[in-house]
Protein backbone atom coordinates (compact mmCIF):
# COMPACT_ATOMS: atom_id res chain seq x y z
CA MET A 1 4.67 -44.91 49.36
CA SER A 2 0.85 -45.19 49.48
CA LEU A 3 -1.39 -43.58 46.90
CA ARG A 4 -2.70 -41.21 49.58
CA SER A 5 0.85 -40.14 50.50
CA THR A 6 1.76 -39.64 46.85
CA LEU A 7 -1.29 -37.48 46.19
CA PHE A 8 -0.60 -35.47 49.35
CA SER A 9 3.00 -34.85 48.22
CA ILE A 10 1.78 -33.70 44.80
CA PHE A 11 -0.70 -31.36 46.51
CA LEU A 12 2.01 -29.84 48.69
CA ALA A 13 4.31 -29.34 45.68
CA SER A 14 1.52 -27.70 43.69
CA ALA A 15 0.61 -25.45 46.60
CA ALA A 16 4.23 -24.40 47.02
CA THR A 17 4.53 -23.63 43.31
CA ALA A 18 1.32 -21.59 43.40
CA ALA A 19 2.54 -19.68 46.43
CA LEU A 20 5.81 -18.85 44.74
CA ALA A 21 3.92 -17.64 41.68
CA GLN A 22 1.95 -15.09 43.70
CA LYS A 23 4.88 -12.71 43.97
CA PRO A 24 8.11 -12.33 41.99
CA SER A 25 11.22 -13.94 43.47
CA ALA A 26 12.82 -10.49 43.64
CA PRO A 27 11.12 -7.11 44.12
CA LEU A 28 9.72 -5.63 40.93
CA THR A 29 11.34 -2.52 39.50
CA ILE A 30 9.56 -0.08 37.20
CA VAL A 31 12.12 1.57 34.96
CA VAL A 32 11.17 5.12 33.97
CA PRO A 33 13.23 6.16 30.92
CA TYR A 34 13.05 9.86 31.83
CA PRO A 35 14.25 12.01 34.76
CA ALA A 36 12.50 12.06 38.12
CA GLY A 37 9.66 14.49 38.69
CA GLY A 38 7.89 14.21 35.35
CA PRO A 39 4.41 12.73 34.69
CA LEU A 40 5.74 9.23 33.89
CA ASP A 41 7.85 9.17 37.05
CA ILE A 42 5.00 10.37 39.28
CA SER A 43 2.57 7.92 37.66
CA ALA A 44 5.00 5.05 38.12
CA ARG A 45 5.24 5.82 41.82
CA ILE A 46 1.45 6.00 42.16
CA VAL A 47 0.88 2.57 40.59
CA ALA A 48 3.88 1.06 42.40
CA GLU A 49 2.46 2.09 45.75
CA GLY A 50 -1.06 0.97 44.85
CA ALA A 51 -0.05 -2.47 43.53
CA ALA A 52 2.35 -3.31 46.36
CA ALA A 53 -0.30 -5.16 48.36
CA GLN A 54 -0.72 -7.67 45.52
CA LEU A 55 2.77 -7.76 44.01
CA GLY A 56 5.07 -6.93 46.92
CA ALA A 57 7.40 -3.95 47.22
CA ILE A 58 8.00 -2.20 43.89
CA THR A 59 10.86 0.22 43.32
CA VAL A 60 11.07 2.93 40.67
CA GLU A 61 14.34 3.47 38.80
CA ASN A 62 14.94 6.49 36.58
CA LYS A 63 17.08 5.66 33.55
CA PRO A 64 16.98 8.68 31.22
CA GLY A 65 18.87 9.07 27.97
CA ALA A 66 18.47 9.13 24.17
CA GLY A 67 14.86 10.32 24.26
CA GLY A 68 13.79 7.37 26.39
CA ASN A 69 15.68 4.72 24.42
CA THR A 70 18.27 3.97 27.11
CA GLY A 71 15.82 2.83 29.77
CA ALA A 72 13.54 1.07 27.30
CA ASP A 73 16.46 -0.84 25.80
CA GLN A 74 17.55 -1.97 29.27
CA VAL A 75 14.16 -3.57 29.91
CA SER A 76 13.90 -5.02 26.39
CA LYS A 77 17.10 -7.02 26.97
CA ALA A 78 16.36 -7.99 30.58
CA GLY A 79 15.52 -11.64 29.75
CA LYS A 80 13.25 -14.34 31.17
CA THR A 81 14.37 -14.00 34.77
CA SER A 82 13.89 -10.22 34.78
CA ASN A 83 11.95 -8.46 37.51
CA GLN A 84 11.90 -5.21 35.49
CA LEU A 85 8.94 -3.44 33.94
CA LEU A 86 9.01 -0.30 31.81
CA MET A 87 6.87 2.81 32.05
CA GLY A 88 6.95 3.22 28.31
CA ALA A 89 5.38 5.98 26.27
CA VAL A 90 4.40 7.14 22.81
CA ALA A 91 8.04 8.16 22.29
CA THR A 92 9.62 4.82 23.25
CA HIS A 93 7.13 2.65 21.36
CA ALA A 94 5.68 4.69 18.50
CA VAL A 95 7.87 7.71 17.73
CA ASN A 96 11.50 6.80 18.36
CA PRO A 97 11.58 3.64 16.20
CA TRP A 98 11.00 5.81 13.13
CA LEU A 99 12.98 8.81 14.33
CA TYR A 100 16.38 7.32 15.16
CA LYS A 101 18.63 5.90 12.45
CA ASN A 102 20.26 3.44 14.86
CA PHE A 103 17.48 2.09 17.05
CA PRO A 104 18.43 -0.51 19.70
CA TYR A 105 15.23 -2.55 20.19
CA ASN A 106 12.02 -3.68 18.53
CA PRO A 107 9.11 -1.93 20.29
CA ILE A 108 6.60 -4.58 19.20
CA LYS A 109 8.54 -7.86 19.41
CA ASP A 110 10.70 -7.13 22.47
CA PHE A 111 7.88 -6.13 24.84
CA LYS A 112 4.64 -7.45 26.28
CA PRO A 113 2.20 -4.57 26.88
CA ILE A 114 0.65 -4.80 30.35
CA ALA A 115 -1.58 -1.78 30.94
CA LEU A 116 -2.18 1.64 29.41
CA VAL A 117 -2.00 4.17 32.23
CA ALA A 118 -3.10 7.42 30.58
CA ARG A 119 -3.71 9.33 27.38
CA THR A 120 -3.31 13.08 27.77
CA PRO A 121 -3.08 16.00 25.38
CA ASN A 122 0.00 18.07 25.06
CA VAL A 123 -0.45 21.79 25.39
CA LEU A 124 1.28 24.59 23.52
CA VAL A 125 2.61 27.00 26.14
CA VAL A 126 4.54 30.26 26.03
CA ASN A 127 6.03 32.46 28.73
CA ALA A 128 3.08 34.65 29.79
CA ALA A 129 5.13 37.81 30.37
CA GLN A 130 7.07 37.40 27.12
CA ALA A 131 3.87 36.71 25.19
CA THR A 132 2.37 39.97 26.44
CA LYS A 133 5.44 41.90 25.22
CA LEU A 134 5.25 40.23 21.81
CA GLY A 135 1.49 40.62 21.47
CA ILE A 136 0.86 36.85 21.41
CA LYS A 137 -2.53 35.86 22.83
CA THR A 138 -3.60 33.05 20.50
CA THR A 139 -2.12 30.38 18.23
CA PRO A 140 -2.78 32.55 15.12
CA ASP A 141 -0.86 35.37 16.85
CA LEU A 142 2.08 33.01 17.37
CA VAL A 143 2.01 31.87 13.73
CA GLN A 144 1.98 35.49 12.57
CA TYR A 145 4.96 36.32 14.80
CA LEU A 146 6.94 33.33 13.51
CA LYS A 147 6.25 34.26 9.89
CA LYS A 148 7.48 37.79 10.51
CA ASN A 149 10.58 36.53 12.35
CA PRO A 150 11.74 33.37 10.53
CA ASP A 151 14.53 31.36 12.21
CA GLN A 152 14.78 33.87 15.08
CA ALA A 153 12.77 31.85 17.60
CA LYS A 154 13.54 28.54 19.27
CA TYR A 155 11.25 25.95 20.74
CA GLY A 156 12.17 23.68 23.63
CA SER A 157 11.31 20.03 24.14
CA GLY A 158 11.85 17.22 26.62
CA GLY A 159 14.44 15.71 24.29
CA ASN A 160 15.10 14.52 20.77
CA GLY A 161 12.31 12.13 19.85
CA SER A 162 9.95 13.32 22.57
CA ILE A 163 6.35 13.92 21.60
CA GLY A 164 6.98 17.63 22.19
CA HIS A 165 9.68 17.51 19.53
CA ILE A 166 7.39 15.77 17.05
CA ALA A 167 4.48 18.11 17.82
CA ALA A 168 6.63 21.18 17.19
CA GLU A 169 7.95 19.81 13.90
CA MET A 170 4.39 19.05 12.80
CA PHE A 171 3.39 22.57 13.79
CA LYS A 172 6.23 24.05 11.73
CA SER A 173 5.28 21.93 8.73
CA LEU A 174 1.56 22.73 8.86
CA THR A 175 2.09 26.47 9.43
CA ASN A 176 5.07 26.82 7.08
CA THR A 177 7.13 28.51 9.79
CA LYS A 178 10.78 28.16 10.83
CA MET A 179 12.23 27.70 14.32
CA GLY A 180 15.30 26.20 15.94
CA HIS A 181 15.08 23.26 18.35
CA THR A 182 16.62 23.16 21.83
CA PRO A 183 16.24 19.68 23.40
CA PHE A 184 16.43 19.13 27.16
CA GLN A 185 16.57 16.06 29.39
CA GLY A 186 12.89 15.97 30.29
CA SER A 187 9.98 18.37 30.50
CA LYS A 188 10.98 20.10 33.75
CA PRO A 189 14.17 21.69 32.35
CA ALA A 190 12.33 22.53 29.13
CA LEU A 191 9.68 24.43 31.08
CA ALA A 192 12.36 26.09 33.18
CA ALA A 193 14.01 27.32 29.98
CA LEU A 194 10.66 28.64 28.81
CA GLU A 195 10.11 30.51 32.07
CA SER A 196 13.59 32.06 31.83
CA GLY A 197 13.06 33.14 28.23
CA GLN A 198 15.63 30.83 26.63
CA VAL A 199 12.98 29.46 24.26
CA LEU A 200 9.78 30.94 22.87
CA MET A 201 7.46 27.95 23.15
CA VAL A 202 7.13 24.36 24.32
CA PHE A 203 4.71 21.57 23.55
CA ASP A 204 4.46 19.82 26.88
CA ASN A 205 2.41 17.15 28.55
CA LEU A 206 -0.63 18.77 30.15
CA ALA A 207 0.04 17.04 33.47
CA SER A 208 3.46 18.65 33.88
CA ALA A 209 2.58 22.10 32.49
CA LEU A 210 -0.72 22.53 34.34
CA PRO A 211 0.69 23.97 37.62
CA GLN A 212 2.60 26.72 35.78
CA ILE A 213 -0.46 27.48 33.66
CA GLN A 214 -2.66 27.73 36.73
CA SER A 215 -0.11 29.98 38.46
CA GLY A 216 -0.10 32.37 35.49
CA LYS A 217 3.58 31.90 34.66
CA LEU A 218 2.75 30.16 31.39
CA LEU A 219 0.05 30.97 28.85
CA ALA A 220 -1.67 28.00 27.19
CA LEU A 221 -2.43 28.76 23.54
CA GLY A 222 -3.97 25.43 22.57
CA VAL A 223 -4.27 21.73 23.30
CA THR A 224 -2.94 19.24 20.78
CA THR A 225 -6.01 17.00 20.62
CA LEU A 226 -9.09 17.62 18.48
CA SER A 227 -11.29 18.38 21.46
CA ARG A 228 -10.77 20.63 24.46
CA ASN A 229 -9.69 19.23 27.82
CA GLU A 230 -11.79 19.60 30.97
CA ALA A 231 -8.73 20.77 32.91
CA LEU A 232 -8.45 23.76 30.51
CA PRO A 233 -11.99 24.31 29.26
CA ASN A 234 -11.26 27.78 27.85
CA VAL A 235 -8.22 26.70 25.84
CA PRO A 236 -9.07 25.78 22.22
CA SER A 237 -7.75 22.94 20.15
CA ILE A 238 -4.79 23.91 17.97
CA ASN A 239 -6.63 22.17 15.13
CA ASP A 240 -9.18 25.00 15.21
CA SER A 241 -6.61 27.28 13.56
CA VAL A 242 -4.00 24.77 12.28
CA GLN A 243 -6.00 22.20 10.34
CA GLY A 244 -4.74 18.63 10.58
CA PHE A 245 -2.91 19.04 13.88
CA ASN A 246 -3.68 16.15 16.25
CA VAL A 247 -1.17 14.74 18.74
CA SER A 248 -1.58 13.11 22.15
CA THR A 249 0.76 11.71 24.77
CA TRP A 250 0.21 8.29 26.25
CA PHE A 251 2.17 6.08 28.59
CA GLY A 252 1.80 2.62 30.08
CA LEU A 253 3.48 -0.39 31.60
CA PHE A 254 5.42 -2.93 29.55
CA ALA A 255 7.26 -6.13 30.43
CA PRO A 256 9.97 -7.98 28.50
CA ALA A 257 8.37 -10.15 25.81
CA SER A 258 9.47 -13.31 27.63
CA LEU A 259 7.24 -12.67 30.66
CA PRO A 260 4.81 -15.61 31.07
CA ASP A 261 1.19 -14.82 30.22
CA ALA A 262 0.02 -15.76 33.72
CA ASP A 263 2.35 -13.19 35.26
CA ALA A 264 1.28 -10.60 32.69
CA ARG A 265 -2.37 -11.09 33.66
CA ARG A 266 -1.52 -10.84 37.35
CA TYR A 267 0.45 -7.64 36.83
CA ALA A 268 -2.29 -6.14 34.64
CA ASN A 269 -4.96 -6.86 37.25
CA ALA A 270 -2.86 -5.43 40.09
CA PHE A 271 -1.89 -2.24 38.27
CA SER A 272 -5.38 -1.66 36.90
CA ALA A 273 -6.80 -1.99 40.42
CA ALA A 274 -4.19 0.47 41.70
CA MET A 275 -5.00 3.00 38.99
CA HIS A 276 -8.75 2.85 39.55
CA SER A 277 -8.77 2.73 43.33
CA PRO A 278 -10.21 5.85 45.00
CA ALA A 279 -6.72 6.84 46.21
CA GLY A 280 -5.16 6.25 42.79
CA LYS A 281 -7.84 8.18 40.89
CA GLU A 282 -7.54 11.10 43.28
CA LYS A 283 -3.76 11.30 42.80
CA PHE A 284 -4.11 11.14 39.03
CA LYS A 285 -6.86 13.76 39.09
CA LYS A 286 -4.47 16.25 40.68
CA MET A 287 -2.26 15.77 37.60
CA GLY A 288 -5.16 16.31 35.21
CA ILE A 289 -5.12 12.61 34.30
CA THR A 290 -7.94 10.08 34.01
CA PRO A 291 -6.63 6.47 34.22
CA GLU A 292 -7.27 4.28 31.20
CA GLU A 293 -8.92 0.84 30.94
CA LEU A 294 -6.82 -0.88 28.25
CA THR A 295 -4.76 -3.89 29.35
CA LEU A 296 -2.93 -6.79 27.65
CA ASP A 297 -4.36 -7.53 24.15
CA GLY A 298 -6.30 -4.26 23.95
CA PHE A 299 -3.23 -2.25 24.90
CA ALA A 300 -1.08 -4.26 22.46
CA GLN A 301 -3.44 -3.43 19.59
CA PHE A 302 -3.34 0.24 20.56
CA VAL A 303 0.50 0.26 20.56
CA ARG A 304 0.64 -1.31 17.10
CA SER A 305 -1.81 1.27 15.79
CA GLU A 306 0.18 4.17 17.27
CA ASN A 307 3.42 2.74 15.90
CA SER A 308 1.96 2.70 12.38
CA LYS A 309 0.49 6.20 12.79
CA TYR A 310 3.81 7.79 13.72
CA GLU A 311 5.68 5.90 11.02
CA PHE A 312 3.51 7.76 8.52
CA LEU A 313 3.78 11.15 10.27
CA ILE A 314 7.54 11.06 10.77
CA ARG A 315 8.30 9.89 7.27
CA ALA A 316 6.02 12.60 5.90
CA ALA A 317 7.82 15.21 8.00
CA LYS A 318 11.23 13.77 6.99
CA ILE A 319 12.60 13.93 10.57
CA LYS A 320 15.61 11.78 11.46
CA ILE A 321 18.10 11.66 14.34
CA ASP A 322 21.55 10.07 14.05
C-alpha cells in the first residue's frame, strides 16, 4: 500500500471515530430520583429537549425511592458503557450521605459533575385557610403557636432526607419547638397533604410551591435563604426572625465517574446551551428559576463544599435515618 493510501485510510478511520464520538451509541437517559411532576423532573425535561439537537434524543426516567438514593445509586453503578445521567440534588449529594446509616454510594468519588442547573430557596408554607383560623400570619406567629402546642403539630416533607426534612429539623432546633414528621414521596403529595390539613407546614422548593402561593391556597411565611427572592418580594427571609437559618435547594446533572472527560465537556456545553437558550430561560422563568453557570470543575468544587456544609449541620442536629 502506498504512503498516500495509508494516510488516507488513517484519515478515514479518524473521521469515523470522531463521528461516532459526536453522539452516544445509545440514546441518553436522564434519571430523576424523584416522582414525575416536581421541579427536578420538569427541569430534566427542559434540558433534555434543549440539548437533543447536539446529543440526540434524550429520555427522562423517574426512579424515586429512599429520599433520592435509589435513582442516584443506579447511575453511580452504571459503569463505563453507561448512557445514563443523573439529575442529582442537594439531597443526593450533600444531605443523604450524612443522614442515612447505610448509604449505597460515594457522592464524590462515584460521580462526575456536569452542570449545575439551579439554586433556589425553599419556602415555608402553611395552609392559608388554616393559618387564618390559628392566627398565624408570620414566622414568629408560627413559632408562638408551636411553643403553646408542643408535639401537637406535624410538618410534611418530600421524603426522609429531603432538604425540606432538613430545613424543618433545623427550624425546630433553632426555635426550640417540637413537631412530628410526615414524609411523602415527593413535594406534590406533601403539598396536597398541606392543602387538606393533614400537616401544619411544609418547607418546599419555591418552584413547586409558587403556583399554590400565587393562587392563595398556601401562605408563604418566609424564604429559607438570607435574602428575599424576586418571585416573592414581600416574603421575608426566615433568618430575619430565626437567626442562623439558611438553607437552599440546588440540583444539577451528574454522570458516572467513569465518563471520559471529552464526553463530559460535550455534555456540559450542550446542557448549558439548552439552559441559557431563550426558550430554556423562558421555561425556567415560569418556575421561578434562573439557570446557573457552573459546569465541570466549578460545579465539582461547589458539590464538595455543600457536602462538607451539610456534614456539619446534620451532625450538629443529630439526625439519622436507618
